[in-house]
Amino acid sequence: MRLPIFTTFVCLLITMAPLNAAAQKKPAGAAAQKRSAGAPNAFTSPFRYVIVYSKVEPQEGEDDVPRTFVEVLLEPEAFTRANLRKLFDLLQARFPDAQAMEISVYTDLNDIETPEERDEPRISDANWGPDLPNLKNNALISSFNGKRSILMSFANGRTKDFTF
């Protein structure tokens, strides 16, 4: 008599455990944020971005320096002057040997070339895009000989250029 009662109790515990765990499970975003909150400060940034491409071109002449080209997809709501400066600092820390750096910042995935598009043959003096106003915000951040500048292009057609 004791064995069937004990077996029934164990079976109930086994079936209730997954149900209880599912009831307590938090949404994936909440779990990710909890993990992010506990991450060391060295691995956090005030906004979300992804490096989608990077390349170092070697120095071409005696007076030239190697150039680092980086393309970044930035969350649209983070497209501010202060965040672009912070992004530059983050990328400069990630590419510490870069003597000259050009960073293209996009806020829409459709503005970035796929690897297949990047591999297509090009004619050096061809015009690759129509002269249409920007549909999304983007920026070009450059650094050379200690001079840093940002050219912000907005979806409404305005541009803003500044050095820092």
N, C-alpha and C. Protein backbone atom coordinates (compact mmCIF):
# COMPACT_ATOMS: atom_id res chain seq x y z
N MET A 1 0.81 -1.19 0.00
CA MET A 1 0.00 0.00 0.00
C MET A 1 0.87 1.26 0.00
N ARG A 2 1.96 1.22 0.73
CA ARG A 2 2.83 2.40 0.78
C ARG A 2 3.50 2.66 -0.57
N LEU A 3 3.90 1.63 -1.26
CA LEU A 3 4.59 1.79 -2.54
C LEU A 3 3.72 2.46 -3.59
N PRO A 4 2.43 2.08 -3.78
CA PRO A 4 1.61 2.78 -4.77
C PRO A 4 1.38 4.24 -4.41
N ILE A 5 1.23 4.54 -3.12
CA ILE A 5 1.03 5.94 -2.71
C ILE A 5 2.31 6.73 -2.97
N PHE A 6 3.46 6.18 -2.64
CA PHE A 6 4.73 6.84 -2.87
C PHE A 6 4.97 7.04 -4.36
N THR A 7 4.69 6.04 -5.17
CA THR A 7 4.86 6.12 -6.61
C THR A 7 3.95 7.19 -7.20
N THR A 8 2.73 7.26 -6.74
CA THR A 8 1.79 8.28 -7.20
C THR A 8 2.30 9.67 -6.83
N PHE A 9 2.82 9.82 -5.62
CA PHE A 9 3.36 11.10 -5.16
C PHE A 9 4.54 11.54 -6.02
N VAL A 10 5.45 10.62 -6.33
CA VAL A 10 6.61 10.92 -7.16
C VAL A 10 6.17 11.31 -8.57
N CYS A 11 5.19 10.59 -9.11
CA CYS A 11 4.68 10.92 -10.44
C CYS A 11 4.07 12.32 -10.47
N LEU A 12 3.35 12.67 -9.42
CA LEU A 12 2.77 14.02 -9.34
C LEU A 12 3.86 15.08 -9.28
N LEU A 13 4.90 14.84 -8.51
CA LEU A 13 6.01 15.79 -8.42
C LEU A 13 6.69 15.97 -9.77
N ILE A 14 6.89 14.87 -10.47
CA ILE A 14 7.56 14.94 -11.77
C ILE A 14 6.73 15.72 -12.78
N THR A 15 5.42 15.52 -12.79
CA THR A 15 4.58 16.24 -13.75
C THR A 15 4.35 17.68 -13.33
N MET A 16 4.37 17.98 -12.06
CA MET A 16 4.13 19.35 -11.59
C MET A 16 5.36 20.24 -11.75
N ALA A 17 6.55 19.66 -11.68
CA ALA A 17 7.77 20.46 -11.77
C ALA A 17 7.86 21.23 -13.08
N PRO A 18 7.65 20.60 -14.26
CA PRO A 18 7.71 21.38 -15.51
C PRO A 18 6.58 22.42 -15.60
N LEU A 19 5.41 22.10 -15.08
CA LEU A 19 4.32 23.06 -15.11
C LEU A 19 4.64 24.27 -14.26
N ASN A 20 5.21 24.03 -13.10
CA ASN A 20 5.59 25.13 -12.21
C ASN A 20 6.68 25.98 -12.85
N ALA A 21 7.66 25.32 -13.47
CA ALA A 21 8.75 26.06 -14.13
C ALA A 21 8.21 26.91 -15.28
N ALA A 22 7.27 26.37 -16.05
CA ALA A 22 6.69 27.12 -17.17
C ALA A 22 5.90 28.31 -16.66
N ALA A 23 5.21 28.15 -15.54
CA ALA A 23 4.43 29.25 -14.99
C ALA A 23 5.33 30.37 -14.49
N GLN A 24 6.53 30.03 -14.02
CA GLN A 24 7.45 31.04 -13.49
C GLN A 24 8.37 31.61 -14.56
N LYS A 25 8.36 31.03 -15.75
CA LYS A 25 9.26 31.47 -16.81
C LYS A 25 8.93 32.89 -17.24
N LYS A 26 9.97 33.72 -17.34
CA LYS A 26 9.81 35.11 -17.75
C LYS A 26 10.00 35.21 -19.25
N PRO A 27 9.51 36.27 -19.86
CA PRO A 27 9.73 36.45 -21.30
C PRO A 27 11.22 36.51 -21.61
N ALA A 28 11.57 36.12 -22.83
CA ALA A 28 12.98 36.09 -23.23
C ALA A 28 13.66 37.43 -23.05
N GLY A 29 13.00 38.51 -23.38
CA GLY A 29 13.59 39.84 -23.24
C GLY A 29 13.92 40.17 -21.81
N ALA A 30 13.06 39.80 -20.88
CA ALA A 30 13.31 40.07 -19.47
C ALA A 30 14.51 39.28 -18.97
N ALA A 31 14.62 38.02 -19.41
CA ALA A 31 15.77 37.21 -19.01
C ALA A 31 17.05 37.79 -19.57
N ALA A 32 17.02 38.23 -20.83
CA ALA A 32 18.21 38.82 -21.44
C ALA A 32 18.61 40.10 -20.73
N GLN A 33 17.63 40.92 -20.36
CA GLN A 33 17.95 42.16 -19.66
C GLN A 33 18.53 41.86 -18.29
N LYS A 34 18.03 40.83 -17.63
CA LYS A 34 18.57 40.47 -16.33
C LYS A 34 20.02 40.05 -16.47
N ARG A 35 20.33 39.26 -17.50
CA ARG A 35 21.72 38.86 -17.73
C ARG A 35 22.57 40.07 -18.05
N SER A 36 22.05 40.99 -18.86
CA SER A 36 22.81 42.17 -19.23
C SER A 36 23.10 43.04 -18.01
N ALA A 37 22.12 43.14 -17.12
CA ALA A 37 22.30 43.97 -15.94
C ALA A 37 23.43 43.43 -15.06
N GLY A 38 23.64 42.12 -15.07
CA GLY A 38 24.68 41.53 -14.25
C GLY A 38 26.02 41.44 -14.94
N ALA A 39 26.10 41.84 -16.21
CA ALA A 39 27.35 41.76 -16.96
C ALA A 39 28.33 42.81 -16.45
N PRO A 40 29.63 42.52 -16.58
CA PRO A 40 30.62 43.52 -16.14
C PRO A 40 30.49 44.80 -16.95
N ASN A 41 30.83 45.93 -16.35
CA ASN A 41 30.71 47.22 -17.03
C ASN A 41 31.55 47.30 -18.30
N ALA A 42 32.63 46.54 -18.36
CA ALA A 42 33.49 46.58 -19.54
C ALA A 42 32.78 46.08 -20.79
N PHE A 43 31.68 45.36 -20.62
CA PHE A 43 30.99 44.78 -21.76
C PHE A 43 29.61 45.39 -22.00
N THR A 44 29.40 46.59 -21.54
CA THR A 44 28.10 47.22 -21.74
C THR A 44 28.28 48.49 -22.56
N SER A 45 27.23 48.88 -23.24
CA SER A 45 27.22 50.16 -23.94
C SER A 45 25.85 50.77 -23.72
N PRO A 46 25.74 52.07 -23.87
CA PRO A 46 24.46 52.74 -23.59
C PRO A 46 23.42 52.54 -24.69
N PHE A 47 23.77 51.85 -25.77
CA PHE A 47 22.86 51.62 -26.89
C PHE A 47 23.27 50.33 -27.57
N ARG A 48 22.41 49.85 -28.45
CA ARG A 48 22.67 48.60 -29.17
C ARG A 48 23.23 48.91 -30.55
N TYR A 49 24.30 48.19 -30.92
CA TYR A 49 24.87 48.31 -32.25
C TYR A 49 25.54 47.00 -32.63
N VAL A 50 25.74 46.81 -33.93
CA VAL A 50 26.39 45.61 -34.45
C VAL A 50 27.41 46.04 -35.49
N ILE A 51 28.61 45.50 -35.39
CA ILE A 51 29.61 45.70 -36.43
C ILE A 51 29.30 44.70 -37.54
N VAL A 52 28.96 45.19 -38.72
CA VAL A 52 28.59 44.29 -39.80
C VAL A 52 29.72 44.07 -40.81
N TYR A 53 30.75 44.90 -40.74
CA TYR A 53 31.86 44.76 -41.68
C TYR A 53 33.05 45.54 -41.13
N SER A 54 34.23 44.98 -41.32
CA SER A 54 35.45 45.73 -41.00
C SER A 54 36.57 45.23 -41.90
N LYS A 55 37.42 46.16 -42.28
CA LYS A 55 38.52 45.84 -43.18
C LYS A 55 39.65 46.83 -42.94
N VAL A 56 40.86 46.33 -42.96
CA VAL A 56 42.04 47.20 -42.86
C VAL A 56 42.72 47.21 -44.23
N GLU A 57 42.85 48.39 -44.80
CA GLU A 57 43.57 48.53 -46.07
C GLU A 57 44.99 48.97 -45.76
N PRO A 58 45.95 48.31 -46.35
CA PRO A 58 47.35 48.64 -46.05
C PRO A 58 47.75 50.01 -46.57
N GLN A 59 48.81 50.50 -46.04
CA GLN A 59 49.35 51.79 -46.47
C GLN A 59 49.79 51.68 -47.92
N GLU A 60 49.45 52.71 -48.71
CA GLU A 60 49.74 52.65 -50.15
C GLU A 60 51.01 53.39 -50.54
N GLY A 61 51.40 54.34 -49.78
CA GLY A 61 52.60 55.11 -50.10
C GLY A 61 53.36 55.44 -48.83
N GLU A 62 54.50 56.10 -49.03
CA GLU A 62 55.35 56.43 -47.89
C GLU A 62 54.66 57.39 -46.93
N ASP A 63 53.84 58.31 -47.44
CA ASP A 63 53.16 59.28 -46.60
C ASP A 63 51.78 58.81 -46.13
N ASP A 64 51.39 57.62 -46.54
CA ASP A 64 50.07 57.09 -46.19
C ASP A 64 50.16 56.24 -44.92
N VAL A 65 49.00 55.92 -44.36
CA VAL A 65 48.91 55.03 -43.19
C VAL A 65 47.84 53.98 -43.49
N PRO A 66 47.89 52.84 -42.82
CA PRO A 66 46.81 51.86 -42.99
C PRO A 66 45.48 52.46 -42.54
N ARG A 67 44.42 52.13 -43.25
CA ARG A 67 43.09 52.66 -42.93
C ARG A 67 42.16 51.53 -42.53
N THR A 68 41.41 51.76 -41.47
CA THR A 68 40.44 50.79 -40.99
C THR A 68 39.05 51.28 -41.37
N PHE A 69 38.31 50.43 -42.09
CA PHE A 69 36.94 50.75 -42.49
C PHE A 69 36.00 49.85 -41.69
N VAL A 70 34.97 50.46 -41.10
CA VAL A 70 34.03 49.73 -40.27
C VAL A 70 32.62 50.17 -40.66
N GLU A 71 31.71 49.19 -40.75
CA GLU A 71 30.29 49.50 -40.96
C GLU A 71 29.52 49.00 -39.75
N VAL A 72 28.62 49.85 -39.28
CA VAL A 72 27.88 49.57 -38.05
C VAL A 72 26.39 49.77 -38.30
N LEU A 73 25.60 48.86 -37.75
CA LEU A 73 24.15 49.03 -37.71
C LEU A 73 23.81 49.47 -36.29
N LEU A 74 23.21 50.64 -36.18
CA LEU A 74 22.89 51.26 -34.89
C LEU A 74 21.38 51.31 -34.74
N GLU A 75 20.88 51.05 -33.53
CA GLU A 75 19.44 51.16 -33.33
C GLU A 75 19.01 52.60 -33.62
N PRO A 76 17.91 52.79 -34.35
CA PRO A 76 17.52 54.13 -34.81
C PRO A 76 17.36 55.16 -33.70
N GLU A 77 16.81 54.76 -32.56
CA GLU A 77 16.58 55.75 -31.49
C GLU A 77 17.88 56.21 -30.83
N ALA A 78 18.99 55.56 -31.13
CA ALA A 78 20.28 55.94 -30.56
C ALA A 78 21.05 56.89 -31.47
N PHE A 79 20.47 57.32 -32.57
CA PHE A 79 21.15 58.17 -33.54
C PHE A 79 21.18 59.62 -33.04
N THR A 80 22.16 59.90 -32.17
CA THR A 80 22.37 61.25 -31.65
C THR A 80 23.86 61.57 -31.72
N ARG A 81 24.16 62.84 -31.67
CA ARG A 81 25.55 63.28 -31.71
C ARG A 81 26.36 62.65 -30.57
N ALA A 82 25.81 62.68 -29.36
CA ALA A 82 26.51 62.12 -28.20
C ALA A 82 26.75 60.62 -28.36
N ASN A 83 25.76 59.90 -28.87
CA ASN A 83 25.94 58.46 -29.05
C ASN A 83 26.93 58.13 -30.16
N LEU A 84 26.98 58.94 -31.20
CA LEU A 84 27.96 58.72 -32.26
C LEU A 84 29.38 58.94 -31.74
N ARG A 85 29.55 59.92 -30.87
CA ARG A 85 30.87 60.12 -30.25
C ARG A 85 31.23 58.93 -29.37
N LYS A 86 30.26 58.43 -28.61
CA LYS A 86 30.49 57.27 -27.75
C LYS A 86 30.79 56.04 -28.61
N LEU A 87 30.08 55.89 -29.72
CA LEU A 87 30.32 54.78 -30.64
C LEU A 87 31.76 54.83 -31.16
N PHE A 88 32.22 56.02 -31.51
CA PHE A 88 33.60 56.16 -31.97
C PHE A 88 34.56 55.68 -30.89
N ASP A 89 34.34 56.09 -29.64
CA ASP A 89 35.22 55.66 -28.54
C ASP A 89 35.21 54.14 -28.37
N LEU A 90 34.01 53.54 -28.47
CA LEU A 90 33.90 52.09 -28.35
C LEU A 90 34.66 51.38 -29.47
N LEU A 91 34.53 51.89 -30.69
CA LEU A 91 35.20 51.26 -31.83
C LEU A 91 36.71 51.51 -31.80
N GLN A 92 37.10 52.66 -31.32
CA GLN A 92 38.52 52.94 -31.20
C GLN A 92 39.16 51.98 -30.18
N ALA A 93 38.43 51.65 -29.13
CA ALA A 93 38.94 50.68 -28.16
C ALA A 93 38.98 49.28 -28.76
N ARG A 94 38.05 48.97 -29.65
CA ARG A 94 38.00 47.65 -30.29
C ARG A 94 39.07 47.52 -31.37
N PHE A 95 39.44 48.63 -32.02
CA PHE A 95 40.49 48.64 -33.05
C PHE A 95 41.60 49.58 -32.61
N PRO A 96 42.36 49.23 -31.58
CA PRO A 96 43.33 50.17 -31.00
C PRO A 96 44.50 50.50 -31.91
N ASP A 97 44.79 49.65 -32.88
CA ASP A 97 45.93 49.90 -33.78
C ASP A 97 45.56 50.74 -34.99
N ALA A 98 44.32 51.13 -35.11
CA ALA A 98 43.88 51.90 -36.28
C ALA A 98 44.49 53.29 -36.26
N GLN A 99 45.26 53.61 -37.30
CA GLN A 99 45.86 54.94 -37.40
C GLN A 99 44.91 55.92 -38.08
N ALA A 100 44.10 55.41 -38.99
CA ALA A 100 43.06 56.19 -39.66
C ALA A 100 41.83 55.29 -39.70
N MET A 101 40.67 55.86 -39.38
CA MET A 101 39.47 55.05 -39.31
C MET A 101 38.31 55.77 -39.96
N GLU A 102 37.53 55.02 -40.73
CA GLU A 102 36.28 55.52 -41.29
C GLU A 102 35.17 54.57 -40.88
N ILE A 103 34.14 55.12 -40.23
CA ILE A 103 33.04 54.32 -39.71
C ILE A 103 31.76 54.79 -40.40
N SER A 104 31.12 53.88 -41.12
CA SER A 104 29.82 54.16 -41.72
C SER A 104 28.76 53.62 -40.76
N VAL A 105 27.85 54.50 -40.36
CA VAL A 105 26.81 54.13 -39.40
C VAL A 105 25.46 54.14 -40.12
N TYR A 106 24.75 53.03 -40.03
CA TYR A 106 23.44 52.90 -40.65
C TYR A 106 22.40 52.62 -39.57
N THR A 107 21.17 53.04 -39.82
CA THR A 107 20.09 52.76 -38.87
C THR A 107 19.02 51.86 -39.48
N ASP A 108 19.28 51.37 -40.70
CA ASP A 108 18.34 50.47 -41.36
C ASP A 108 19.13 49.36 -42.04
N LEU A 109 18.77 48.13 -41.76
CA LEU A 109 19.47 46.98 -42.32
C LEU A 109 19.46 47.00 -43.85
N ASN A 110 18.42 47.53 -44.46
CA ASN A 110 18.33 47.55 -45.92
C ASN A 110 19.36 48.47 -46.57
N ASP A 111 19.99 49.34 -45.81
CA ASP A 111 21.01 50.23 -46.36
C ASP A 111 22.39 49.58 -46.42
N ILE A 112 22.53 48.41 -45.85
CA ILE A 112 23.83 47.75 -45.77
C ILE A 112 23.91 46.68 -46.85
N GLU A 113 25.06 46.61 -47.52
CA GLU A 113 25.26 45.60 -48.55
C GLU A 113 25.35 44.21 -47.94
N THR A 114 24.78 43.24 -48.63
CA THR A 114 24.98 41.85 -48.25
C THR A 114 26.38 41.44 -48.70
N PRO A 115 26.90 40.32 -48.19
CA PRO A 115 28.23 39.88 -48.67
C PRO A 115 28.26 39.65 -50.18
N GLU A 116 27.16 39.16 -50.73
CA GLU A 116 27.12 38.93 -52.18
C GLU A 116 27.17 40.25 -52.95
N GLU A 117 26.47 41.26 -52.47
CA GLU A 117 26.50 42.57 -53.12
C GLU A 117 27.89 43.19 -53.00
N ARG A 118 28.53 43.00 -51.87
CA ARG A 118 29.87 43.55 -51.66
C ARG A 118 30.89 42.89 -52.60
N ASP A 119 30.67 41.62 -52.93
CA ASP A 119 31.61 40.88 -53.77
C ASP A 119 31.44 41.15 -55.26
N GLU A 120 30.36 41.85 -55.66
CA GLU A 120 30.15 42.13 -57.08
C GLU A 120 31.26 43.01 -57.62
N PRO A 121 31.65 42.79 -58.88
CA PRO A 121 32.68 43.65 -59.48
C PRO A 121 32.19 45.10 -59.56
N ARG A 122 33.10 46.03 -59.42
CA ARG A 122 32.76 47.46 -59.44
C ARG A 122 33.63 48.20 -60.44
N ILE A 123 33.10 49.26 -60.95
CA ILE A 123 33.87 50.18 -61.79
C ILE A 123 34.17 51.37 -60.90
N SER A 124 35.41 51.75 -60.80
CA SER A 124 35.82 52.71 -59.80
C SER A 124 35.13 54.07 -59.91
N ASP A 125 34.80 54.52 -61.11
CA ASP A 125 34.19 55.86 -61.21
C ASP A 125 32.69 55.82 -61.47
N ALA A 126 32.08 54.67 -61.29
CA ALA A 126 30.64 54.56 -61.54
C ALA A 126 29.84 55.19 -60.41
N ASN A 127 28.68 55.72 -60.75
CA ASN A 127 27.77 56.27 -59.75
C ASN A 127 26.89 55.12 -59.28
N TRP A 128 26.98 54.75 -57.99
CA TRP A 128 26.33 53.54 -57.50
C TRP A 128 24.98 53.77 -56.89
N GLY A 129 24.55 54.97 -56.74
CA GLY A 129 23.25 55.17 -56.12
C GLY A 129 22.51 56.33 -56.74
N PRO A 130 21.21 56.28 -56.75
CA PRO A 130 20.45 57.41 -57.26
C PRO A 130 20.59 58.60 -56.32
N ASP A 131 20.43 59.77 -56.85
CA ASP A 131 20.54 60.99 -56.03
C ASP A 131 19.21 61.28 -55.36
N LEU A 132 18.82 60.41 -54.46
CA LEU A 132 17.58 60.57 -53.72
C LEU A 132 17.89 61.01 -52.31
N PRO A 133 16.97 61.70 -51.65
CA PRO A 133 17.22 62.05 -50.25
C PRO A 133 17.28 60.78 -49.41
N ASN A 134 17.98 60.88 -48.29
CA ASN A 134 18.08 59.73 -47.39
C ASN A 134 16.70 59.35 -46.89
N LEU A 135 16.43 58.06 -46.84
CA LEU A 135 15.17 57.59 -46.28
C LEU A 135 15.33 57.25 -44.80
N LYS A 136 16.57 57.02 -44.37
CA LYS A 136 16.89 56.72 -42.97
C LYS A 136 18.10 57.55 -42.56
N ASN A 137 18.30 57.69 -41.27
CA ASN A 137 19.46 58.42 -40.76
C ASN A 137 20.72 57.57 -40.94
N ASN A 138 21.83 58.24 -41.28
CA ASN A 138 23.11 57.56 -41.32
C ASN A 138 24.20 58.57 -41.03
N ALA A 139 25.41 58.08 -40.81
CA ALA A 139 26.51 58.97 -40.46
C ALA A 139 27.83 58.39 -40.95
N LEU A 140 28.79 59.28 -41.12
CA LEU A 140 30.16 58.89 -41.43
C LEU A 140 31.04 59.51 -40.36
N ILE A 141 31.76 58.68 -39.64
CA ILE A 141 32.69 59.15 -38.60
C ILE A 141 34.09 58.86 -39.12
N SER A 142 34.95 59.85 -39.10
CA SER A 142 36.31 59.63 -39.58
C SER A 142 37.33 60.17 -38.59
N SER A 143 38.50 59.55 -38.64
CA SER A 143 39.59 59.92 -37.76
C SER A 143 40.90 59.78 -38.53
N PHE A 144 41.69 60.85 -38.51
CA PHE A 144 43.00 60.82 -39.17
C PHE A 144 43.87 61.90 -38.56
N ASN A 145 45.09 61.54 -38.20
CA ASN A 145 46.04 62.47 -37.60
C ASN A 145 45.46 63.23 -36.40
N GLY A 146 44.71 62.54 -35.57
CA GLY A 146 44.16 63.16 -34.38
C GLY A 146 42.92 64.00 -34.60
N LYS A 147 42.52 64.18 -35.86
CA LYS A 147 41.29 64.94 -36.16
C LYS A 147 40.14 63.96 -36.31
N ARG A 148 39.05 64.24 -35.60
CA ARG A 148 37.87 63.38 -35.67
C ARG A 148 36.68 64.21 -36.11
N SER A 149 35.91 63.67 -37.03
CA SER A 149 34.74 64.40 -37.50
C SER A 149 33.58 63.45 -37.72
N ILE A 150 32.39 64.02 -37.65
CA ILE A 150 31.16 63.26 -37.87
C ILE A 150 30.31 64.03 -38.86
N LEU A 151 29.84 63.34 -39.89
CA LEU A 151 28.87 63.89 -40.83
C LEU A 151 27.59 63.10 -40.63
N MET A 152 26.57 63.75 -40.09
CA MET A 152 25.27 63.11 -39.87
C MET A 152 24.35 63.48 -41.02
N SER A 153 23.72 62.48 -41.62
CA SER A 153 22.73 62.70 -42.67
C SER A 153 21.38 62.20 -42.16
N PHE A 154 20.39 63.07 -42.21
CA PHE A 154 19.09 62.75 -41.64
C PHE A 154 18.09 62.38 -42.74
N ALA A 155 17.07 61.65 -42.36
CA ALA A 155 16.05 61.19 -43.30
C ALA A 155 15.32 62.35 -43.96
N ASN A 156 15.29 63.52 -43.32
CA ASN A 156 14.59 64.67 -43.90
C ASN A 156 15.46 65.45 -44.89
N GLY A 157 16.67 64.94 -45.17
CA GLY A 157 17.55 65.59 -46.14
C GLY A 157 18.59 66.52 -45.52
N ARG A 158 18.43 66.86 -44.26
CA ARG A 158 19.41 67.74 -43.60
C ARG A 158 20.69 66.97 -43.30
N THR A 159 21.79 67.71 -43.21
CA THR A 159 23.05 67.14 -42.77
C THR A 159 23.63 68.01 -41.67
N LYS A 160 24.45 67.42 -40.86
CA LYS A 160 25.11 68.14 -39.77
C LYS A 160 26.54 67.61 -39.72
N ASP A 161 27.50 68.52 -39.72
CA ASP A 161 28.91 68.16 -39.74
C ASP A 161 29.59 68.81 -38.54
N PHE A 162 30.36 68.05 -37.78
CA PHE A 162 31.09 68.63 -36.66
C PHE A 162 32.35 67.83 -36.36
N THR A 163 33.28 68.46 -35.71
CA THR A 163 34.51 67.81 -35.28
C THR A 163 34.50 67.71 -33.76
N PHE A 164 35.25 66.77 -33.27
CA PHE A 164 35.36 66.61 -31.82
C PHE A 164 36.72 66.08 -31.45
